[in-house]
C-alpha cells in the first residue's frame, strides 16, 4: 500500500515505515505530524484518486538537517567580474508511521 501526498509544495510517494527528507516543516524532534493533502492512494488493491480521499498520513519528525552545499558562480571573462554565492537547503527527516 502506498500513497502520494503533497508536503510543503512537493509531492512524495510514501509507504508505511519509510524514511524520507522533505522541505523543512515546523516541529521538534519526536513530534507527530499529519498530512491530509493526499492526492492518490492504493488500499486493498483499489486505486483512489482525487479530492474525495479522506486519508491522512501520520509521520514522526526524526530531525532537521541541511542538504549539500550548492554553489552558483558567475564570471565575465576579461572584465574582472566574479560573483560567488552558495547555500544549503534545510530539510526535515520524517518517518511515515501510518497511512490511515
Protein backbone atom coordinates (compact mmCIF):
# COMPACT_ATOMS: atom_id res chain seq x y z
CA UNK A 1 0.00 0.00 0.00
CA UNK A 2 1.32 3.43 -0.90
CA UNK A 3 0.06 6.98 -1.24
CA UNK A 4 1.09 10.17 -2.99
CA UNK A 5 0.97 13.15 -0.65
CA UNK A 6 1.78 16.83 -1.04
CA UNK A 7 4.12 18.16 1.65
CA UNK A 8 5.32 21.78 1.61
CA UNK A 9 4.61 22.18 -2.11
CA UNK A 10 6.29 18.94 -3.22
CA UNK A 11 4.72 15.56 -3.99
CA UNK A 12 6.10 12.39 -2.41
CA UNK A 13 5.26 8.70 -2.85
CA UNK A 14 5.19 7.24 0.66
CA UNK A 15 4.84 3.80 2.22
CA UNK A 16 4.46 2.73 5.83
CA UNK A 17 7.75 2.79 7.81
CA UNK A 18 9.50 4.77 5.04
CA UNK A 19 12.05 7.46 5.95
CA UNK A 20 12.32 10.50 3.71
CA UNK A 21 13.63 14.05 3.58
CA UNK A 22 11.06 16.80 2.96
CA UNK A 23 11.40 20.59 2.81
CA UNK A 24 11.64 21.97 6.34
CA UNK A 25 8.43 21.81 8.36
CA UNK A 26 7.74 23.23 11.80
CA UNK A 27 8.15 21.00 14.83
CA UNK A 28 10.71 19.49 17.17
CA UNK A 29 12.38 16.10 17.01
CA UNK A 30 9.94 13.43 18.15
CA UNK A 31 6.79 15.40 17.30
CA UNK A 32 3.96 13.67 15.45
CA UNK A 33 2.67 15.38 12.30
CA UNK A 34 -0.25 14.66 9.96
CA UNK A 35 -0.53 15.39 6.25
CA UNK A 36 -4.08 15.46 4.90
CA UNK A 37 -3.33 16.59 1.34
CA UNK A 38 -3.38 13.05 -0.16
CA UNK A 39 -3.53 13.00 -3.96
CA UNK A 40 -3.54 9.26 -4.70
CA UNK A 41 -3.92 6.13 -2.60
CA UNK A 42 -3.92 2.38 -3.04
CA UNK A 43 -5.71 0.32 -0.43
CA UNK A 44 -6.64 -3.37 -0.68
CA UNK A 45 -5.79 -3.45 -4.37
CA UNK A 46 -8.00 -0.47 -5.28
CA UNK A 47 -6.73 2.82 -6.63
CA UNK A 48 -8.35 6.03 -5.35
CA UNK A 49 -7.60 9.42 -6.89
CA UNK A 50 -8.93 12.92 -6.41
CA UNK A 51 -10.24 15.26 -3.78
CA UNK A 52 -12.66 12.64 -2.39
CA UNK A 53 -9.86 11.00 -0.41
CA UNK A 54 -10.22 11.30 3.34
CA UNK A 55 -6.95 9.60 4.18
CA UNK A 56 -4.33 11.07 6.47
CA UNK A 57 -0.60 10.36 6.50
CA UNK A 58 0.81 10.23 10.02
CA UNK A 59 4.55 10.72 10.49
CA UNK A 60 7.15 11.38 13.15
CA UNK A 61 9.89 14.01 12.88
CA UNK A 62 13.32 12.40 13.27
CA UNK A 63 15.37 15.58 12.92
CA UNK A 64 16.29 18.67 10.94
CA UNK A 65 19.25 18.53 8.56
CA UNK A 66 20.92 20.61 5.87
CA UNK A 67 21.45 19.47 2.29
CA UNK A 68 24.69 19.58 0.35
CA UNK A 69 26.23 22.94 -0.46
CA UNK A 70 25.14 24.37 -3.81
CA UNK A 71 27.45 26.99 -5.35
CA UNK A 72 26.42 29.47 -8.03
CA UNK A 73 29.36 31.13 -9.76
CA UNK A 74 29.13 33.87 -12.37
CA UNK A 75 32.05 35.32 -14.28
CA UNK A 76 32.64 37.59 -17.25
CA UNK A 77 35.95 36.88 -18.89
CA UNK A 78 38.41 39.74 -19.34
CA UNK A 79 36.23 42.09 -17.26
CA UNK A 80 37.29 41.23 -13.71
CA UNK A 81 33.70 40.33 -12.76
CA UNK A 82 33.29 37.36 -10.43
CA UNK A 83 30.36 36.58 -8.19
CA UNK A 84 30.11 33.52 -5.96
CA UNK A 85 27.01 32.61 -3.98
CA UNK A 86 26.29 29.44 -2.06
CA UNK A 87 23.55 27.98 0.09
CA UNK A 88 22.48 24.83 1.88
CA UNK A 89 18.80 23.89 1.78
CA UNK A 90 17.11 22.93 5.06
CA UNK A 91 15.27 19.60 5.20
CA UNK A 92 13.27 17.69 7.79
CA UNK A 93 13.79 13.95 8.13
CA UNK A 94 10.49 12.17 8.79
CA UNK A 95 9.34 8.58 9.19
CA UNK A 96 5.88 7.59 7.98
CA UNK A 97 4.18 5.68 10.79
CA UNK A 98 0.70 5.15 9.36
CA UNK A 99 -1.43 5.66 6.28
CA UNK A 100 -4.98 5.94 7.63
